[in-house]
Amino acid sequence: MKYLYLVDFWVPFPSSEYGGIIAVIAEDHVECHDILRDSELAYDDTYDSEIMPNVVRAQRFQLSDEDETSRIVEQFTT
């Protein structure tokens, strides 16, 4: 079963003045965290401890198509 996670961007002010949101398809919180951590958005593990709390708080929607590949779908960050 896959979910669409809408994760708030985790880099605090002043590094990212406005924030953002990232849409991720993943099977669970751990996979979502790992996808985000392994992306260029993680800033070399500087903010790794901030990612999981945002994943847990994220809105999550069950997807009906089991063939969806786990990945970042869209991102908007400032």
N, C-alpha and C. Protein backbone atom coordinates (compact mmCIF):
# COMPACT_ATOMS: atom_id res chain seq x y z
N MET A 1 0.84 -1.17 0.00
CA MET A 1 0.00 0.00 0.00
C MET A 1 0.89 1.25 0.00
N LYS A 2 0.59 2.19 -0.85
CA LYS A 2 1.37 3.43 -0.96
C LYS A 2 0.51 4.61 -0.50
N TYR A 3 1.21 5.64 -0.03
CA TYR A 3 0.55 6.86 0.44
C TYR A 3 1.21 8.08 -0.20
N LEU A 4 0.43 9.13 -0.34
CA LEU A 4 0.96 10.42 -0.73
C LEU A 4 1.12 11.24 0.55
N TYR A 5 2.34 11.61 0.86
CA TYR A 5 2.66 12.43 2.02
C TYR A 5 2.86 13.88 1.56
N LEU A 6 2.27 14.82 2.30
CA LEU A 6 2.50 16.25 2.06
C LEU A 6 3.30 16.76 3.24
N VAL A 7 4.62 16.84 3.06
CA VAL A 7 5.56 17.11 4.15
C VAL A 7 5.98 18.57 4.12
N ASP A 8 5.88 19.23 5.29
CA ASP A 8 6.39 20.59 5.43
C ASP A 8 7.91 20.56 5.34
N PHE A 9 8.47 21.55 4.66
CA PHE A 9 9.93 21.65 4.55
C PHE A 9 10.52 21.90 5.93
N TRP A 10 11.62 21.28 6.24
CA TRP A 10 12.16 21.21 7.59
C TRP A 10 13.30 22.18 7.88
N VAL A 11 13.75 22.94 6.89
CA VAL A 11 14.87 23.84 7.11
C VAL A 11 14.34 25.14 7.72
N PRO A 12 14.77 25.47 8.94
CA PRO A 12 14.22 26.63 9.64
C PRO A 12 14.79 27.96 9.15
N PHE A 13 14.12 29.03 9.50
CA PHE A 13 14.60 30.39 9.27
C PHE A 13 15.93 30.56 10.00
N PRO A 14 16.92 31.20 9.50
CA PRO A 14 16.97 32.02 8.30
C PRO A 14 17.46 31.28 7.06
N SER A 15 17.80 30.02 7.18
CA SER A 15 18.27 29.29 6.00
C SER A 15 17.22 29.20 4.92
N SER A 16 15.98 29.05 5.32
CA SER A 16 14.86 29.03 4.39
C SER A 16 13.79 29.94 4.96
N GLU A 17 13.74 31.14 4.46
CA GLU A 17 12.89 32.16 5.06
C GLU A 17 11.40 31.83 5.02
N TYR A 18 10.93 31.19 3.96
CA TYR A 18 9.49 30.99 3.81
C TYR A 18 9.03 29.55 3.98
N GLY A 19 9.90 28.57 3.86
CA GLY A 19 9.50 27.18 4.01
C GLY A 19 9.09 26.55 2.70
N GLY A 20 8.14 25.63 2.76
CA GLY A 20 7.68 24.96 1.56
C GLY A 20 7.00 23.65 1.89
N ILE A 21 6.65 22.91 0.85
CA ILE A 21 5.99 21.62 1.00
C ILE A 21 6.54 20.67 -0.06
N ILE A 22 6.61 19.39 0.32
CA ILE A 22 7.13 18.36 -0.58
C ILE A 22 6.13 17.22 -0.61
N ALA A 23 5.71 16.80 -1.80
CA ALA A 23 4.80 15.68 -1.97
C ALA A 23 5.62 14.43 -2.29
N VAL A 24 5.44 13.39 -1.48
CA VAL A 24 6.23 12.16 -1.61
C VAL A 24 5.29 10.96 -1.65
N ILE A 25 5.55 10.03 -2.55
CA ILE A 25 4.86 8.74 -2.54
C ILE A 25 5.76 7.75 -1.83
N ALA A 26 5.21 7.10 -0.78
CA ALA A 26 6.00 6.14 0.00
C ALA A 26 5.06 5.13 0.66
N GLU A 27 5.64 4.00 1.08
CA GLU A 27 4.86 2.96 1.75
C GLU A 27 4.59 3.29 3.21
N ASP A 28 5.52 3.99 3.87
CA ASP A 28 5.37 4.28 5.29
C ASP A 28 6.26 5.45 5.67
N HIS A 29 6.22 5.83 6.95
CA HIS A 29 7.00 6.98 7.43
C HIS A 29 8.50 6.78 7.20
N VAL A 30 8.99 5.58 7.43
CA VAL A 30 10.43 5.32 7.29
C VAL A 30 10.87 5.50 5.84
N GLU A 31 10.12 4.93 4.91
CA GLU A 31 10.50 5.08 3.50
C GLU A 31 10.41 6.54 3.07
N CYS A 32 9.39 7.25 3.53
CA CYS A 32 9.27 8.67 3.20
C CYS A 32 10.48 9.44 3.73
N HIS A 33 10.84 9.20 4.97
CA HIS A 33 12.03 9.84 5.56
C HIS A 33 13.27 9.55 4.74
N ASP A 34 13.46 8.28 4.37
CA ASP A 34 14.66 7.89 3.63
C ASP A 34 14.72 8.56 2.26
N ILE A 35 13.59 8.67 1.59
CA ILE A 35 13.55 9.34 0.28
C ILE A 35 13.95 10.80 0.44
N LEU A 36 13.41 11.46 1.46
CA LEU A 36 13.74 12.86 1.69
C LEU A 36 15.19 13.04 2.13
N ARG A 37 15.67 12.17 2.99
CA ARG A 37 17.04 12.25 3.47
C ARG A 37 18.04 12.06 2.33
N ASP A 38 17.70 11.19 1.40
CA ASP A 38 18.61 10.90 0.29
C ASP A 38 18.51 11.90 -0.84
N SER A 39 17.55 12.84 -0.76
CA SER A 39 17.42 13.86 -1.80
C SER A 39 18.39 15.01 -1.55
N GLU A 40 18.52 15.89 -2.53
CA GLU A 40 19.39 17.05 -2.38
C GLU A 40 18.84 18.04 -1.36
N LEU A 41 17.60 17.87 -0.91
CA LEU A 41 16.98 18.78 0.04
C LEU A 41 17.51 18.62 1.47
N ALA A 42 18.17 17.51 1.77
CA ALA A 42 18.58 17.23 3.15
C ALA A 42 19.80 18.02 3.59
N TYR A 43 20.50 18.67 2.68
CA TYR A 43 21.69 19.47 3.01
C TYR A 43 22.73 18.68 3.81
N ASP A 44 23.18 17.59 3.22
CA ASP A 44 24.26 16.78 3.81
C ASP A 44 23.98 16.36 5.24
N ASP A 45 22.81 15.86 5.51
CA ASP A 45 22.41 15.34 6.83
C ASP A 45 22.34 16.38 7.93
N THR A 46 22.52 17.66 7.60
CA THR A 46 22.45 18.71 8.61
C THR A 46 21.11 18.70 9.34
N TYR A 47 20.03 18.44 8.61
CA TYR A 47 18.69 18.53 9.18
C TYR A 47 18.01 17.17 9.31
N ASP A 48 18.78 16.08 9.33
CA ASP A 48 18.19 14.74 9.39
C ASP A 48 17.24 14.58 10.59
N SER A 49 17.57 15.14 11.72
CA SER A 49 16.73 14.99 12.91
C SER A 49 15.42 15.77 12.79
N GLU A 50 15.32 16.68 11.83
CA GLU A 50 14.09 17.47 11.62
C GLU A 50 13.13 16.81 10.63
N ILE A 51 13.62 15.88 9.83
CA ILE A 51 12.80 15.31 8.77
C ILE A 51 11.70 14.40 9.31
N MET A 52 12.05 13.44 10.17
CA MET A 52 11.06 12.47 10.64
C MET A 52 9.89 13.12 11.38
N PRO A 53 10.11 14.07 12.27
CA PRO A 53 8.95 14.71 12.92
C PRO A 53 8.00 15.35 11.90
N ASN A 54 8.54 15.93 10.84
CA ASN A 54 7.68 16.52 9.81
C ASN A 54 6.95 15.45 9.00
N VAL A 55 7.59 14.30 8.79
CA VAL A 55 6.93 13.19 8.10
C VAL A 55 5.76 12.67 8.94
N VAL A 56 5.99 12.52 10.23
CA VAL A 56 4.94 12.01 11.12
C VAL A 56 3.75 12.98 11.17
N ARG A 57 4.01 14.27 11.14
CA ARG A 57 2.95 15.28 11.18
C ARG A 57 2.29 15.52 9.82
N ALA A 58 2.87 14.99 8.76
CA ALA A 58 2.38 15.25 7.41
C ALA A 58 0.99 14.69 7.18
N GLN A 59 0.23 15.38 6.32
CA GLN A 59 -1.01 14.81 5.84
C GLN A 59 -0.65 13.61 4.97
N ARG A 60 -1.43 12.53 5.09
CA ARG A 60 -1.13 11.31 4.36
C ARG A 60 -2.41 10.80 3.72
N PHE A 61 -2.32 10.48 2.42
CA PHE A 61 -3.49 10.03 1.67
C PHE A 61 -3.17 8.68 1.02
N GLN A 62 -4.04 7.71 1.24
CA GLN A 62 -3.86 6.39 0.64
C GLN A 62 -4.08 6.47 -0.86
N LEU A 63 -3.18 5.84 -1.61
CA LEU A 63 -3.30 5.80 -3.07
C LEU A 63 -3.98 4.50 -3.50
N SER A 64 -4.76 4.57 -4.54
CA SER A 64 -5.48 3.39 -5.00
C SER A 64 -4.67 2.54 -5.97
N ASP A 65 -3.67 3.12 -6.62
CA ASP A 65 -2.87 2.40 -7.61
C ASP A 65 -1.62 1.84 -6.96
N GLU A 66 -1.52 0.53 -6.90
CA GLU A 66 -0.36 -0.13 -6.26
C GLU A 66 0.91 -0.02 -7.10
N ASP A 67 0.82 0.42 -8.34
CA ASP A 67 2.00 0.46 -9.21
C ASP A 67 2.81 1.74 -9.05
N GLU A 68 2.39 2.66 -8.19
CA GLU A 68 3.12 3.92 -8.01
C GLU A 68 4.52 3.64 -7.47
N THR A 69 5.51 4.27 -8.06
CA THR A 69 6.89 4.17 -7.62
C THR A 69 7.13 5.15 -6.49
N SER A 70 7.82 4.72 -5.44
CA SER A 70 8.15 5.61 -4.33
C SER A 70 9.11 6.68 -4.82
N ARG A 71 8.75 7.95 -4.54
CA ARG A 71 9.57 9.04 -5.05
C ARG A 71 9.02 10.38 -4.56
N ILE A 72 9.81 11.44 -4.76
CA ILE A 72 9.31 12.79 -4.58
C ILE A 72 8.51 13.11 -5.84
N VAL A 73 7.27 13.53 -5.65
CA VAL A 73 6.40 13.83 -6.77
C VAL A 73 6.53 15.28 -7.18
N GLU A 74 6.53 16.15 -6.21
CA GLU A 74 6.58 17.60 -6.47
C GLU A 74 7.14 18.28 -5.23
N GLN A 75 7.79 19.41 -5.43
CA GLN A 75 8.29 20.18 -4.30
C GLN A 75 8.20 21.67 -4.59
N PHE A 76 7.90 22.39 -3.55
CA PHE A 76 7.91 23.84 -3.62
C PHE A 76 8.59 24.32 -2.36
N THR A 77 9.79 24.84 -2.50
CA THR A 77 10.54 25.34 -1.35
C THR A 77 11.15 26.67 -1.72
N THR A 78 11.37 27.49 -0.68
CA THR A 78 11.98 28.80 -0.92
C THR A 78 13.31 28.89 -0.21
